[in-house]
Amino acid sequence: MKSGARRPDYDPWKGLLASATVRDGRHTAATVLLTLGVPERVVMQIMGWSSTAMAARYQHVTAGTLRDVAQRVGGPIWVVAKEGGEGTPGNSAGPR
C-alpha cells in the first residue's frame, strides 16, 4: 500500500466507531501485544501491517514495560555482583 493510501474499509470503520461513540483501539491493541511480548512478526500479522514502521507508530512503550525490563536486566547483574563475578570490585577476573 502506498504511503498515505487508505484501505477501502477505513472510512466506514471510522464512521462505525463514531456512531457507536467508541474510540479506535488500534494503539491500545498494539501496545498490549507489545507488553505481552508478542513477537513483532506476529503482531504485524494480527494488526494487518506490511511494514515494521507501523509498530513504531502504534506501539507505545509503557512505564511498566520499562520497569519490567530494568528488573529483568538488573536481577542477573546484582546476582553476579553478590557472587563476586566478572568485573566486580576486588575480583581479579575482571577486564583489564
PDB file of N, CA and C in Angstrom:
ATOM      1  N   MET A   1       0.848  -1.180   0.000  1.00  0.00           N
ATOM      2  CA  MET A   1       0.000   0.000   0.000  1.00  0.00           C
ATOM      3  C   MET A   1       0.889   1.237   0.000  1.00  0.00           C
ATOM      4  N   LYS A   2       0.553   2.185  -0.824  1.00  0.00           N
ATOM      5  CA  LYS A   2       1.322   3.429  -0.888  1.00  0.00           C
ATOM      6  C   LYS A   2       1.207   4.195   0.420  1.00  0.00           C
ATOM      7  N   SER A   3       2.256   4.926   0.740  1.00  0.00           N
ATOM      8  CA  SER A   3       2.226   5.764   1.934  1.00  0.00           C
ATOM      9  C   SER A   3       1.075   6.763   1.829  1.00  0.00           C
ATOM     10  N   GLY A   4       0.286   6.838   2.881  1.00  0.00           N
ATOM     11  CA  GLY A   4      -0.832   7.774   2.897  1.00  0.00           C
ATOM     12  C   GLY A   4      -2.107   7.216   2.280  1.00  0.00           C
ATOM     13  N   ALA A   5      -2.005   6.062   1.589  1.00  0.00           N
ATOM     14  CA  ALA A   5      -3.188   5.461   0.981  1.00  0.00           C
ATOM     15  C   ALA A   5      -4.023   4.784   2.063  1.00  0.00           C
ATOM     16  N   ARG A   6      -5.336   4.877   1.928  1.00  0.00           N
ATOM     17  CA  ARG A   6      -6.235   4.262   2.899  1.00  0.00           C
ATOM     18  C   ARG A   6      -6.857   3.007   2.319  1.00  0.00           C
ATOM     19  N   ARG A   7      -7.105   2.049   3.185  1.00  0.00           N
ATOM     20  CA  ARG A   7      -7.826   0.852   2.763  1.00  0.00           C
ATOM     21  C   ARG A   7      -9.277   1.243   2.488  1.00  0.00           C
ATOM     22  N   PRO A   8      -9.961   0.485   1.662  1.00  0.00           N
ATOM     23  CA  PRO A   8     -11.347   0.817   1.316  1.00  0.00           C
ATOM     24  C   PRO A   8     -12.297   0.799   2.522  1.00  0.00           C
ATOM     25  N   ASP A   9     -11.940   0.069   3.577  1.00  0.00           N
ATOM     26  CA  ASP A   9     -12.828  -0.008   4.732  1.00  0.00           C
ATOM     27  C   ASP A   9     -12.547   1.070   5.783  1.00  0.00           C
ATOM     28  N   TYR A  10     -11.576   1.946   5.530  1.00  0.00           N
ATOM     29  CA  TYR A  10     -11.168   2.936   6.529  1.00  0.00           C
ATOM     30  C   TYR A  10     -12.313   3.879   6.922  1.00  0.00           C
ATOM     31  N   ASP A  11     -12.919   4.530   5.935  1.00  0.00           N
ATOM     32  CA  ASP A  11     -13.984   5.495   6.231  1.00  0.00           C
ATOM     33  C   ASP A  11     -15.213   4.832   6.868  1.00  0.00           C
ATOM     34  N   PRO A  12     -15.692   3.689   6.336  1.00  0.00           N
ATOM     35  CA  PRO A  12     -16.814   3.022   7.011  1.00  0.00           C
ATOM     36  C   PRO A  12     -16.475   2.616   8.456  1.00  0.00           C
ATOM     37  N   TRP A  13     -15.249   2.158   8.669  1.00  0.00           N
ATOM     38  CA  TRP A  13     -14.823   1.767  10.016  1.00  0.00           C
ATOM     39  C   TRP A  13     -14.835   2.969  10.958  1.00  0.00           C
ATOM     40  N   LYS A  14     -14.274   4.084  10.515  1.00  0.00           N
ATOM     41  CA  LYS A  14     -14.259   5.293  11.339  1.00  0.00           C
ATOM     42  C   LYS A  14     -15.682   5.783  11.614  1.00  0.00           C
ATOM     43  N   GLY A  15     -16.562   5.695  10.619  1.00  0.00           N
ATOM     44  CA  GLY A  15     -17.955   6.089  10.800  1.00  0.00           C
ATOM     45  C   GLY A  15     -18.671   5.200  11.808  1.00  0.00           C
ATOM     46  N   LEU A  16     -18.403   3.896  11.741  1.00  0.00           N
ATOM     47  CA  LEU A  16     -18.995   2.961  12.686  1.00  0.00           C
ATOM     48  C   LEU A  16     -18.534   3.264  14.116  1.00  0.00           C
ATOM     49  N   LEU A  17     -17.247   3.507  14.286  1.00  0.00           N
ATOM     50  CA  LEU A  17     -16.717   3.845  15.616  1.00  0.00           C
ATOM     51  C   LEU A  17     -17.359   5.126  16.149  1.00  0.00           C
ATOM     52  N   ALA A  18     -17.462   6.140  15.292  1.00  0.00           N
ATOM     53  CA  ALA A  18     -18.045   7.421  15.707  1.00  0.00           C
ATOM     54  C   ALA A  18     -19.512   7.251  16.104  1.00  0.00           C
ATOM     55  N   SER A  19     -20.269   6.507  15.307  1.00  0.00           N
ATOM     56  CA  SER A  19     -21.693   6.333  15.617  1.00  0.00           C
ATOM     57  C   SER A  19     -21.900   5.525  16.892  1.00  0.00           C
ATOM     58  N   ALA A  20     -20.946   4.671  17.212  1.00  0.00           N
ATOM     59  CA  ALA A  20     -21.040   3.871  18.439  1.00  0.00           C
ATOM     60  C   ALA A  20     -20.375   4.577  19.621  1.00  0.00           C
ATOM     61  N   THR A  21     -19.835   5.760  19.377  1.00  0.00           N
ATOM     62  CA  THR A  21     -19.066   6.536  20.372  1.00  0.00           C
ATOM     63  C   THR A  21     -17.980   5.685  21.033  1.00  0.00           C
ATOM     64  N   VAL A  22     -17.251   4.974  20.180  1.00  0.00           N
ATOM     65  CA  VAL A  22     -16.126   4.136  20.612  1.00  0.00           C
ATOM     66  C   VAL A  22     -14.878   4.652  19.923  1.00  0.00           C
ATOM     67  N   ARG A  23     -13.806   4.817  20.688  1.00  0.00           N
ATOM     68  CA  ARG A  23     -12.569   5.289  20.074  1.00  0.00           C
ATOM     69  C   ARG A  23     -11.839   4.133  19.396  1.00  0.00           C
ATOM     70  N   ASP A  24     -11.021   4.462  18.450  1.00  0.00           N
ATOM     71  CA  ASP A  24     -10.229   3.480  17.723  1.00  0.00           C
ATOM     72  C   ASP A  24      -9.211   2.878  18.688  1.00  0.00           C
ATOM     73  N   GLY A  25      -9.221   1.589  18.836  1.00  0.00           N
ATOM     74  CA  GLY A  25      -8.359   0.925  19.808  1.00  0.00           C
ATOM     75  C   GLY A  25      -7.097   0.317  19.234  1.00  0.00           C
ATOM     76  N   ARG A  26      -6.695   0.735  18.028  1.00  0.00           N
ATOM     77  CA  ARG A  26      -5.509   0.127  17.424  1.00  0.00           C
ATOM     78  C   ARG A  26      -4.250   0.381  18.240  1.00  0.00           C
ATOM     79  N   HIS A  27      -4.106   1.589  18.770  1.00  0.00           N
ATOM     80  CA  HIS A  27      -2.917   1.886  19.572  1.00  0.00           C
ATOM     81  C   HIS A  27      -2.919   1.025  20.839  1.00  0.00           C
ATOM     82  N   THR A  28      -4.086   0.912  21.468  1.00  0.00           N
ATOM     83  CA  THR A  28      -4.186   0.106  22.683  1.00  0.00           C
ATOM     84  C   THR A  28      -3.880  -1.349  22.384  1.00  0.00           C
ATOM     85  N   ALA A  29      -4.479  -1.888  21.336  1.00  0.00           N
ATOM     86  CA  ALA A  29      -4.257  -3.288  20.982  1.00  0.00           C
ATOM     87  C   ALA A  29      -2.788  -3.547  20.675  1.00  0.00           C
ATOM     88  N   ALA A  30      -2.174  -2.679  19.906  1.00  0.00           N
ATOM     89  CA  ALA A  30      -0.765  -2.850  19.549  1.00  0.00           C
ATOM     90  C   ALA A  30       0.132  -2.756  20.779  1.00  0.00           C
ATOM     91  N   THR A  31      -0.191  -1.851  21.696  1.00  0.00           N
ATOM     92  CA  THR A  31       0.609  -1.694  22.910  1.00  0.00           C
ATOM     93  C   THR A  31       0.440  -2.900  23.834  1.00  0.00           C
ATOM     94  N   VAL A  32      -0.761  -3.425  23.936  1.00  0.00           N
ATOM     95  CA  VAL A  32      -0.991  -4.623  24.757  1.00  0.00           C
ATOM     96  C   VAL A  32      -0.182  -5.793  24.199  1.00  0.00           C
ATOM     97  N   LEU A  33      -0.173  -5.955  22.894  1.00  0.00           N
ATOM     98  CA  LEU A  33       0.617  -7.033  22.283  1.00  0.00           C
ATOM     99  C   LEU A  33       2.105  -6.849  22.579  1.00  0.00           C
ATOM    100  N   LEU A  34       2.586  -5.615  22.540  1.00  0.00           N
ATOM    101  CA  LEU A  34       3.980  -5.321  22.886  1.00  0.00           C
ATOM    102  C   LEU A  34       4.247  -5.690  24.341  1.00  0.00           C
ATOM    103  N   THR A  35       3.354  -5.284  25.234  1.00  0.00           N
ATOM    104  CA  THR A  35       3.506  -5.554  26.664  1.00  0.00           C
ATOM    105  C   THR A  35       3.516  -7.056  26.947  1.00  0.00           C
ATOM    106  N   LEU A  36       2.743  -7.811  26.182  1.00  0.00           N
ATOM    107  CA  LEU A  36       2.699  -9.262  26.354  1.00  0.00           C
ATOM    108  C   LEU A  36       3.926  -9.965  25.774  1.00  0.00           C
ATOM    109  N   GLY A  37       4.761  -9.199  25.064  1.00  0.00           N
ATOM    110  CA  GLY A  37       5.964  -9.784  24.486  1.00  0.00           C
ATOM    111  C   GLY A  37       5.717 -10.575  23.212  1.00  0.00           C
ATOM    112  N   VAL A  38       4.620 -10.281  22.534  1.00  0.00           N
ATOM    113  CA  VAL A  38       4.308 -10.970  21.282  1.00  0.00           C
ATOM    114  C   VAL A  38       5.338 -10.555  20.233  1.00  0.00           C
ATOM    115  N   PRO A  39       5.946 -11.520  19.538  1.00  0.00           N
ATOM    116  CA  PRO A  39       6.950 -11.181  18.521  1.00  0.00           C
ATOM    117  C   PRO A  39       6.381 -10.237  17.452  1.00  0.00           C
ATOM    118  N   GLU A  40       7.239  -9.337  16.971  1.00  0.00           N
ATOM    119  CA  GLU A  40       6.808  -8.315  16.024  1.00  0.00           C
ATOM    120  C   GLU A  40       6.147  -8.895  14.780  1.00  0.00           C
ATOM    121  N   ARG A  41       6.670  -9.983  14.249  1.00  0.00           N
ATOM    122  CA  ARG A  41       6.075 -10.588  13.046  1.00  0.00           C
ATOM    123  C   ARG A  41       4.644 -11.043  13.317  1.00  0.00           C
ATOM    124  N   VAL A  42       4.399 -11.553  14.516  1.00  0.00           N
ATOM    125  CA  VAL A  42       3.052 -11.992  14.879  1.00  0.00           C
ATOM    126  C   VAL A  42       2.138 -10.779  15.035  1.00  0.00           C
ATOM    127  N   VAL A  43       2.643  -9.735  15.677  1.00  0.00           N
ATOM    128  CA  VAL A  43       1.864  -8.501  15.825  1.00  0.00           C
ATOM    129  C   VAL A  43       1.510  -7.950  14.449  1.00  0.00           C
ATOM    130  N   MET A  44       2.470  -7.960  13.536  1.00  0.00           N
ATOM    131  CA  MET A  44       2.216  -7.458  12.184  1.00  0.00           C
ATOM    132  C   MET A  44       1.090  -8.242  11.518  1.00  0.00           C
ATOM    133  N   GLN A  45       1.098  -9.556  11.691  1.00  0.00           N
ATOM    134  CA  GLN A  45       0.049 -10.393  11.095  1.00  0.00           C
ATOM    135  C   GLN A  45      -1.312 -10.077  11.712  1.00  0.00           C
ATOM    136  N   ILE A  46      -1.347  -9.992  13.042  1.00  0.00           N
ATOM    137  CA  ILE A  46      -2.607  -9.710  13.737  1.00  0.00           C
ATOM    138  C   ILE A  46      -3.162  -8.347  13.334  1.00  0.00           C
ATOM    139  N   MET A  47      -2.281  -7.343  13.292  1.00  0.00           N
ATOM    140  CA  MET A  47      -2.719  -5.974  13.030  1.00  0.00           C
ATOM    141  C   MET A  47      -2.886  -5.675  11.542  1.00  0.00           C
ATOM    142  N   GLY A  48      -2.414  -6.573  10.679  1.00  0.00           N
ATOM    143  CA  GLY A  48      -2.534  -6.349   9.243  1.00  0.00           C
ATOM    144  C   GLY A  48      -1.512  -5.376   8.692  1.00  0.00           C
ATOM    145  N   TRP A  49      -0.362  -5.285   9.349  1.00  0.00           N
ATOM    146  CA  TRP A  49       0.688  -4.366   8.912  1.00  0.00           C
ATOM    147  C   TRP A  49       1.610  -5.056   7.920  1.00  0.00           C
ATOM    148  N   SER A  50       2.077  -4.304   6.935  1.00  0.00           N
ATOM    149  CA  SER A  50       3.042  -4.846   5.984  1.00  0.00           C
ATOM    150  C   SER A  50       4.431  -4.260   6.221  1.00  0.00           C
ATOM    151  N   SER A  51       4.533  -3.320   7.150  1.00  0.00           N
ATOM    152  CA  SER A  51       5.799  -2.641   7.413  1.00  0.00           C
ATOM    153  C   SER A  51       6.058  -2.573   8.919  1.00  0.00           C
ATOM    154  N   THR A  52       7.306  -2.797   9.302  1.00  0.00           N
ATOM    155  CA  THR A  52       7.659  -2.700  10.719  1.00  0.00           C
ATOM    156  C   THR A  52       7.563  -1.264  11.228  1.00  0.00           C
ATOM    157  N   ALA A  53       7.526  -0.300  10.321  1.00  0.00           N
ATOM    158  CA  ALA A  53       7.381   1.096  10.730  1.00  0.00           C
ATOM    159  C   ALA A  53       6.045   1.324  11.443  1.00  0.00           C
ATOM    160  N   MET A  54       5.076   0.487  11.158  1.00  0.00           N
ATOM    161  CA  MET A  54       3.773   0.629  11.810  1.00  0.00           C
ATOM    162  C   MET A  54       3.872   0.342  13.307  1.00  0.00           C
ATOM    163  N   ALA A  55       4.781  -0.541  13.690  1.00  0.00           N
ATOM    164  CA  ALA A  55       4.972  -0.830  15.118  1.00  0.00           C
ATOM    165  C   ALA A  55       5.406   0.433  15.849  1.00  0.00           C
ATOM    166  N   ALA A  56       6.311   1.179  15.261  1.00  0.00           N
ATOM    167  CA  ALA A  56       6.776   2.420  15.884  1.00  0.00           C
ATOM    168  C   ALA A  56       5.642   3.433  15.991  1.00  0.00           C
ATOM    169  N   ARG A  57       4.719   3.378  15.050  1.00  0.00           N
ATOM    170  CA  ARG A  57       3.607   4.329  15.048  1.00  0.00           C
ATOM    171  C   ARG A  57       2.529   3.967  16.078  1.00  0.00           C
ATOM    172  N   TYR A  58       2.248   2.680  16.216  1.00  0.00           N
ATOM    173  CA  TYR A  58       1.113   2.258  17.035  1.00  0.00           C
ATOM    174  C   TYR A  58       1.474   1.690  18.401  1.00  0.00           C
ATOM    175  N   GLN A  59       2.679   1.148  18.557  1.00  0.00           N
ATOM    176  CA  GLN A  59       3.049   0.572  19.848  1.00  0.00           C
ATOM    177  C   GLN A  59       3.736   1.622  20.701  1.00  0.00           C
ATOM    178  N   HIS A  60       3.327   1.704  21.950  1.00  0.00           N
ATOM    179  CA  HIS A  60       3.884   2.689  22.873  1.00  0.00           C
ATOM    180  C   HIS A  60       4.493   1.962  24.062  1.00  0.00           C
ATOM    181  N   VAL A  61       5.743   2.267  24.360  1.00  0.00           N
ATOM    182  CA  VAL A  61       6.431   1.642  25.483  1.00  0.00           C
ATOM    183  C   VAL A  61       5.912   2.288  26.765  1.00  0.00           C
ATOM    184  N   THR A  62       5.389   1.464  27.644  1.00  0.00           N
ATOM    185  CA  THR A  62       4.813   1.966  28.889  1.00  0.00           C
ATOM    186  C   THR A  62       5.857   1.978  30.004  1.00  0.00           C
ATOM    187  N   ALA A  63       5.576   2.739  31.050  1.00  0.00           N
ATOM    188  CA  ALA A  63       6.467   2.789  32.213  1.00  0.00           C
ATOM    189  C   ALA A  63       6.583   1.399  32.838  1.00  0.00           C
ATOM    190  N   GLY A  64       5.490   0.657  32.861  1.00  0.00           N
ATOM    191  CA  GLY A  64       5.520  -0.702  33.417  1.00  0.00           C
ATOM    192  C   GLY A  64       6.428  -1.616  32.629  1.00  0.00           C
ATOM    193  N   THR A  65       6.418  -1.489  31.305  1.00  0.00           N
ATOM    194  CA  THR A  65       7.293  -2.299  30.467  1.00  0.00           C
ATOM    195  C   THR A  65       8.750  -1.944  30.732  1.00  0.00           C
ATOM    196  N   LEU A  66       9.053  -0.661  30.818  1.00  0.00           N
ATOM    197  CA  LEU A  66      10.431  -0.234  31.116  1.00  0.00           C
ATOM    198  C   LEU A  66      10.878  -0.743  32.487  1.00  0.00           C
ATOM    199  N   ARG A  67       9.991  -0.680  33.465  1.00  0.00           N
ATOM    200  CA  ARG A  67      10.300  -1.154  34.815  1.00  0.00           C
ATOM    201  C   ARG A  67      10.581  -2.659  34.795  1.00  0.00           C
ATOM    202  N   ASP A  68       9.755  -3.414  34.063  1.00  0.00           N
ATOM    203  CA  ASP A  68       9.936  -4.861  33.966  1.00  0.00           C
ATOM    204  C   ASP A  68      11.282  -5.203  33.340  1.00  0.00           C
ATOM    205  N   VAL A  69      11.631  -4.518  32.269  1.00  0.00           N
ATOM    206  CA  VAL A  69      12.916  -4.770  31.613  1.00  0.00           C
ATOM    207  C   VAL A  69      14.070  -4.443  32.555  1.00  0.00           C
ATOM    208  N   ALA A  70      13.971  -3.323  33.266  1.00  0.00           N
ATOM    209  CA  ALA A  70      15.025  -2.935  34.204  1.00  0.00           C
ATOM    210  C   ALA A  70      15.199  -3.995  35.287  1.00  0.00           C
ATOM    211  N   GLN A  71      14.096  -4.542  35.793  1.00  0.00           N
ATOM    212  CA  GLN A  71      14.182  -5.581  36.819  1.00  0.00           C
ATOM    213  C   GLN A  71      14.769  -6.861  36.252  1.00  0.00           C
ATOM    214  N   ARG A  72      14.379  -7.210  35.035  1.00  0.00           N
ATOM    215  CA  ARG A  72      14.897  -8.434  34.415  1.00  0.00           C
ATOM    216  C   ARG A  72      16.378  -8.327  34.131  1.00  0.00           C
ATOM    217  N   VAL A  73      16.841  -7.159  33.720  1.00  0.00           N
ATOM    218  CA  VAL A  73      18.266  -6.959  33.452  1.00  0.00           C
ATOM    219  C   VAL A  73      19.026  -6.802  34.768  1.00  0.00           C
ATOM    220  N   GLY A  74      18.457  -6.042  35.691  1.00  0.00           N
ATOM    221  CA  GLY A  74      19.126  -5.772  36.959  1.00  0.00           C
ATOM    222  C   GLY A  74      19.296  -7.000  37.822  1.00  0.00           C
ATOM    223  N   GLY A  75      18.349  -7.915  37.790  1.00  0.00           N
ATOM    224  CA  GLY A  75      18.437  -9.131  38.607  1.00  0.00           C
ATOM    225  C   GLY A  75      19.725  -9.892  38.374  1.00  0.00           C
ATOM    226  N   PRO A  76      20.017 -10.289  37.149  1.00  0.00           N
ATOM    227  CA  PRO A  76      21.260 -11.019  36.903  1.00  0.00           C
ATOM    228  C   PRO A  76      22.511 -10.197  37.229  1.00  0.00           C
ATOM    229  N   ILE A  77      22.466  -8.899  37.009  1.00  0.00           N
ATOM    230  CA  ILE A  77      23.640  -8.064  37.311  1.00  0.00           C
ATOM    231  C   ILE A  77      23.933  -8.105  38.798  1.00  0.00           C
ATOM    232  N   TRP A  78      22.886  -7.968  39.626  1.00  0.00           N
ATOM    233  CA  TRP A  78      23.102  -7.983  41.076  1.00  0.00           C
ATOM    234  C   TRP A  78      23.509  -9.356  41.565  1.00  0.00           C
ATOM    235  N   VAL A  79      23.005 -10.421  40.957  1.00  0.00           N
ATOM    236  CA  VAL A  79      23.407 -11.774  41.350  1.00  0.00           C
ATOM    237  C   VAL A  79      24.893 -11.957  41.089  1.00  0.00           C
ATOM    238  N   VAL A  80      25.361 -11.533  39.927  1.00  0.00           N
ATOM    239  CA  VAL A  80      26.786 -11.643  39.590  1.00  0.00           C
ATOM    240  C   VAL A  80      27.613 -10.828  40.575  1.00  0.00           C
ATOM    241  N   ALA A  81      27.160  -9.624  40.906  1.00  0.00           N
ATOM    242  CA  ALA A  81      27.903  -8.770  41.832  1.00  0.00           C
ATOM    243  C   ALA A  81      27.992  -9.416  43.211  1.00  0.00           C
ATOM    244  N   LYS A  82      26.904 -10.017  43.697  1.00  0.00           N
ATOM    245  CA  LYS A  82      26.909 -10.667  45.012  1.00  0.00           C
ATOM    246  C   LYS A  82      27.842 -11.869  45.038  1.00  0.00           C
ATOM    247  N   GLU A  83      27.950 -12.542  43.911  1.00  0.00           N
ATOM    248  CA  GLU A  83      28.794 -13.739  43.828  1.00  0.00           C
ATOM    249  C   GLU A  83      30.243 -13.390  43.535  1.00  0.00           C
ATOM    250  N   GLY A  84      30.544 -12.100  43.356  1.00  0.00           N
ATOM    251  CA  GLY A  84      31.912 -11.697  43.032  1.00  0.00           C
ATOM    252  C   GLY A  84      32.294 -12.055  41.618  1.00  0.00           C
ATOM    253  N   GLY A  85      31.334 -11.925  40.734  1.00  0.00           N
ATOM    254  CA  GLY A  85      31.557 -12.283  39.334  1.00  0.00           C
ATOM    255  C   GLY A  85      32.448 -11.305  38.609  1.00  0.00           C
ATOM    256  N   GLU A  86      32.602 -11.552  37.340  1.00  0.00           N
ATOM    257  CA  GLU A  86      33.487 -10.763  36.489  1.00  0.00           C
ATOM    258  C   GLU A  86      33.181  -9.279  36.565  1.00  0.00           C
ATOM    259  N   GLY A  87      34.229  -8.500  36.717  1.00  0.00           N
ATOM    260  CA  GLY A  87      34.101  -7.059  36.668  1.00  0.00           C
ATOM    261  C   GLY A  87      33.685  -6.419  37.975  1.00  0.00           C
ATOM    262  N   THR A  88      33.539  -7.215  39.038  1.00  0.00           N
ATOM    263  CA  THR A  88      33.156  -6.616  40.314  1.00  0.00           C
ATOM    264  C   THR A  88      34.397  -6.214  41.089  1.00  0.00           C
ATOM    265  N   PRO A  89      34.283  -5.223  41.963  1.00  0.00           N
ATOM    266  CA  PRO A  89      35.442  -4.768  42.731  1.00  0.00           C
ATOM    267  C   PRO A  89      36.082  -5.900  43.517  1.00  0.00           C
ATOM    268  N   GLY A  90      37.401  -5.955  43.509  1.00  0.00           N
ATOM    269  CA  GLY A  90      38.128  -6.940  44.262  1.00  0.00           C
ATOM    270  C   GLY A  90      38.241  -8.283  43.548  1.00  0.00           C
ATOM    271  N   ASN A  91      37.745  -8.382  42.343  1.00  0.00           N
ATOM    272  CA  ASN A  91      37.814  -9.643  41.609  1.00  0.00           C
ATOM    273  C   ASN A  91      38.852  -9.499  40.515  1.00  0.00           C
ATOM    274  N   SER A  92      39.878 -10.330  40.582  1.00  0.00           N
ATOM    275  CA  SER A  92      40.960 -10.209  39.597  1.00  0.00           C
ATOM    276  C   SER A  92      40.559 -10.776  38.238  1.00  0.00           C
ATOM    277  N   ALA A  93      39.379 -11.422  38.150  1.00  0.00           N
ATOM    278  CA  ALA A  93      38.958 -11.989  36.879  1.00  0.00           C
ATOM    279  C   ALA A  93      38.347 -10.944  35.950  1.00  0.00           C
ATOM    280  N   GLY A  94      38.174  -9.727  36.440  1.00  0.00           N
ATOM    281  CA  GLY A  94      37.548  -8.668  35.650  1.00  0.00           C
ATOM    282  C   GLY A  94      38.386  -8.243  34.478  1.00  0.00           C
ATOM    283  N   PRO A  95      37.818  -7.449  33.584  1.00  0.00           N
ATOM    284  CA  PRO A  95      38.548  -6.975  32.395  1.00  0.00           C
ATOM    285  C   PRO A  95      39.739  -6.114  32.787  1.00  0.00           C
ATOM    286  N   ARG A  96      40.770  -6.183  31.973  1.00  0.00           N
ATOM    287  CA  ARG A  96      41.984  -5.394  32.251  1.00  0.00           C
ATOM    288  C   ARG A  96      42.257  -4.436  31.155  1.00  0.00           C
TER     289      ARG A  96
END
